[in-house]
Each structure stands twice: as C-alpha cells, then as structure tokens.
C-alpha atoms as a PDB file:
ATOM      1  CA  GLU A   1       0.810  36.515 -13.986  1.00  0.00           C
ATOM      2  CA  ALA A   2       4.498  35.954 -11.751  1.00  0.00           C
ATOM      3  CA  LEU A   3       6.578  36.238 -15.226  1.00  0.00           C
ATOM      4  CA  GLY A   4       4.878  38.589 -16.475  1.00  0.00           C
ATOM      5  CA  ARG A   5       5.231  40.664 -13.426  1.00  0.00           C
ATOM      6  CA  ARG A   6       9.074  39.835 -13.596  1.00  0.00           C
ATOM      7  CA  ALA A   7       9.630  40.691 -16.809  1.00  0.00           C
ATOM      8  CA  GLN A   8       7.902  43.944 -16.233  1.00  0.00           C
ATOM      9  CA  ALA A   9       9.969  45.004 -13.344  1.00  0.00           C
ATOM     10  CA  ALA A  10      13.085  43.775 -15.048  1.00  0.00           C
ATOM     11  CA  LEU A  11      12.323  46.366 -17.222  1.00  0.00           C
ATOM     12  CA  GLU A  12      11.809  49.050 -14.647  1.00  0.00           C
ATOM     13  CA  PHE A  13      15.396  48.656 -13.322  1.00  0.00           C
ATOM     14  CA  GLU A  14      16.157  48.870 -16.726  1.00  0.00           C
ATOM     15  CA  VAL A  15      14.621  51.732 -17.603  1.00  0.00           C
ATOM     16  CA  ALA A  16      15.843  53.398 -13.896  1.00  0.00           C
ATOM     17  CA  ALA A  17      19.770  52.697 -15.405  1.00  0.00           C
ATOM     18  CA  ALA A  18      18.153  54.303 -18.298  1.00  0.00           C
ATOM     19  CA  VAL A  19      17.851  57.841 -16.899  1.00  0.00           C
ATOM     20  CA  SER A  20      19.948  60.136 -15.706  1.00  0.00           C
ATOM     21  CA  PRO A  21      19.294  61.253 -12.219  1.00  0.00           C
ATOM     22  CA  ALA A  22      19.708  64.948 -13.743  1.00  0.00           C
ATOM     23  CA  VAL A  23      16.864  64.439 -15.549  1.00  0.00           C
ATOM     24  CA  ASP A  24      14.801  62.699 -13.546  1.00  0.00           C
ATOM     25  CA  ARG A  25      15.433  65.771 -10.645  1.00  0.00           C
ATOM     26  CA  ALA A  26      14.336  68.260 -13.273  1.00  0.00           C
ATOM     27  CA  PHE A  27      11.153  66.574 -14.373  1.00  0.00           C
ATOM     28  CA  LEU A  28       9.517  65.833 -10.650  1.00  0.00           C
ATOM     29  CA  THR A  29      11.277  69.719  -9.764  1.00  0.00           C
ATOM     30  CA  SER A  30      13.111  72.241 -11.018  1.00  0.00           C
ATOM     31  CA  GLN A  31      14.325  72.801  -7.073  1.00  0.00           C
ATOM     32  CA  VAL A  32      16.622  70.205  -6.872  1.00  0.00           C
ATOM     33  CA  PRO A  33      20.124  70.806  -8.332  1.00  0.00           C
ATOM     34  CA  ALA A  34      21.268  67.857 -10.739  1.00  0.00           C
ATOM     35  CA  SER A  35      24.356  66.355 -10.158  1.00  0.00           C
ATOM     36  CA  ASP A  36      27.349  64.595 -12.147  1.00  0.00           C
ATOM     37  CA  SER A  37      25.678  61.981 -13.780  1.00  0.00           C
ATOM     38  CA  ASP A  38      28.782  60.189 -14.391  1.00  0.00           C
ATOM     39  CA  GLY A  39      29.797  60.038 -10.479  1.00  0.00           C
ATOM     40  CA  PRO A  40      30.783  57.647  -9.296  1.00  0.00           C
ATOM     41  CA  GLU A  41      27.459  56.926  -7.423  1.00  0.00           C
ATOM     42  CA  GLU A  42      25.497  57.715 -10.291  1.00  0.00           C
ATOM     43  CA  VAL A  43      28.271  54.978 -11.860  1.00  0.00           C
ATOM     44  CA  ALA A  44      27.527  52.657  -9.491  1.00  0.00           C
ATOM     45  CA  THR A  45      23.299  52.755  -8.967  1.00  0.00           C
ATOM     46  CA  ARG A  46      23.543  52.516 -12.964  1.00  0.00           C
ATOM     47  CA  CYS A  47      25.116  49.271 -12.607  1.00  0.00           C
ATOM     48  CA  ARG A  48      23.769  47.655  -9.531  1.00  0.00           C
ATOM     49  CA  LEU A  49      19.867  48.163 -11.505  1.00  0.00           C
ATOM     50  CA  TRP A  50      21.729  46.844 -14.406  1.00  0.00           C
ATOM     51  CA  LEU A  51      22.684  43.878 -12.207  1.00  0.00           C
ATOM     52  CA  ARG A  52      19.011  43.510 -10.757  1.00  0.00           C
ATOM     53  CA  ALA A  53      17.240  43.511 -14.618  1.00  0.00           C
ATOM     54  CA  ALA A  54      19.714  40.150 -15.784  1.00  0.00           C
ATOM     55  CA  LYS A  55      18.874  38.570 -12.612  1.00  0.00           C
ATOM     56  CA  LEU A  56      15.674  38.894 -13.151  1.00  0.00           C
ATOM     57  CA  ARG A  57      16.203  38.434 -17.069  1.00  0.00           C
ATOM     58  CA  HIS A  58      18.059  35.538 -16.522  1.00  0.00           C
ATOM     59  CA  ASP A  59      14.708  34.137 -14.391  1.00  0.00           C
ATOM     60  CA  LEU A  60      12.722  34.619 -17.809  1.00  0.00           C
ATOM     61  CA  LYS A  61      15.542  32.958 -19.864  1.00  0.00           C
ATOM     62  CA  ASP A  62      16.223  35.448 -21.588  1.00  0.00           C
ATOM     63  CA  LEU A  63      19.760  35.483 -21.853  1.00  0.00           C
ATOM     64  CA  GLU A  64      20.536  37.306 -24.878  1.00  0.00           C
ATOM     65  CA  ARG A  65      19.081  40.517 -23.179  1.00  0.00           C
ATOM     66  CA  ARG A  66      20.813  39.027 -19.620  1.00  0.00           C
ATOM     67  CA  ASP A  67      24.186  38.317 -21.443  1.00  0.00           C
ATOM     68  CA  SER A  68      23.975  42.449 -22.540  1.00  0.00           C
ATOM     69  CA  LEU A  69      23.245  43.918 -19.287  1.00  0.00           C
ATOM     70  CA  VAL A  70      25.565  42.087 -17.943  1.00  0.00           C
ATOM     71  CA  GLN A  71      28.383  43.544 -20.796  1.00  0.00           C
ATOM     72  CA  ARG A  72      27.475  46.638 -19.312  1.00  0.00           C
ATOM     73  CA  VAL A  73      28.281  46.471 -16.189  1.00  0.00           C
ATOM     74  CA  LEU A  74      31.367  45.148 -17.234  1.00  0.00           C
ATOM     75  CA  ASP A  75      31.926  47.700 -19.187  1.00  0.00           C
ATOM     76  CA  GLU A  76      31.531  50.625 -17.003  1.00  0.00           C
ATOM     77  CA  ASP A  77      34.717  52.445 -15.266  1.00  0.00           C
ATOM     78  CA  GLY A  78      34.629  52.996 -11.864  1.00  0.00           C
ATOM     79  CA  ALA A  79      33.097  49.826 -10.379  1.00  0.00           C
ATOM     80  CA  ALA A  80      35.448  47.578  -9.729  1.00  0.00           C
ATOM     81  CA  ASP A  81      33.319  44.918  -7.324  1.00  0.00           C
ATOM     82  CA  LEU A  82      29.590  44.998  -9.246  1.00  0.00           C
ATOM     83  CA  GLN A  83      31.743  44.397 -12.103  1.00  0.00           C
ATOM     84  CA  ASP A  84      33.377  41.710  -9.425  1.00  0.00           C
ATOM     85  CA  GLU A  85      29.665  40.541  -9.240  1.00  0.00           C
ATOM     86  CA  ALA A  86      28.495  40.711 -12.942  1.00  0.00           C
ATOM     87  CA  ARG A  87      32.029  38.126 -13.553  1.00  0.00           C
ATOM     88  CA  ASP A  88      30.831  36.161 -11.226  1.00  0.00           C
ATOM     89  CA  LEU A  89      27.283  35.682 -12.392  1.00  0.00           C
ATOM     90  CA  GLN A  90      28.815  35.400 -15.363  1.00  0.00           C
ATOM     91  CA  GLN A  91      30.893  32.722 -14.740  1.00  0.00           C
ATOM     92  CA  LYS A  92      27.685  30.259 -12.750  1.00  0.00           C
ATOM     93  CA  TRP A  93      25.424  31.278 -15.837  1.00  0.00           C
ATOM     94  CA  ARG A  94      28.228  29.572 -18.044  1.00  0.00           C
ATOM     95  CA  GLY A  95      28.546  26.695 -16.108  1.00  0.00           C
ATOM     96  CA  LYS A  96      32.413  27.459 -15.140  1.00  0.00           C
END
C-alpha cells in the first residue's frame, strides 16, 4: 500500500509540473491574472517538482522514469542550483 501511495505522489508531482501556472489559475478563477509560465519562479517550481518525483521514482525502482525526470531538470534553462542537485543525484544513483 505504501508503494502505491509513493507512485501516486510521484504522478501528482509530474502532473503539477506539466500544468502551467497560467492554465491552473484560469481553471481556479478567471479573476487571477496569469504570469509568464516560463519565468524563473515557474522554471524553478517545475524543476523542484520533477526532482521530488524523480526521488520517489528512484524509491519505486522505476529507473527509466527517474532518469527521464532528472534529464528534464538538466535540460531546463535558468535553474542552475537545481541542475546541480540533479547532477548530484544522478551521480549518486549511478554509484559515482
């Protein structure tokens, strides 16, 4: 049961990263103006979500999905500190 919750949590982080804040705000209320979905805060938030999901995927031994999520962080522009964390995790998981 605990593994099922971890898998669901990982999926929730992945979905949260996939939905732009503008779309999310529009769904919640039409009175909140949407911000630039590629701004620095949004990029950082998306990368944090991917890293959290990657850690859960690692615990679940879903290595292909884990590596894909880490690579997404590495491919983002403007998230240097989170990219460092992603590289550290990648090296740790590869045993280097």
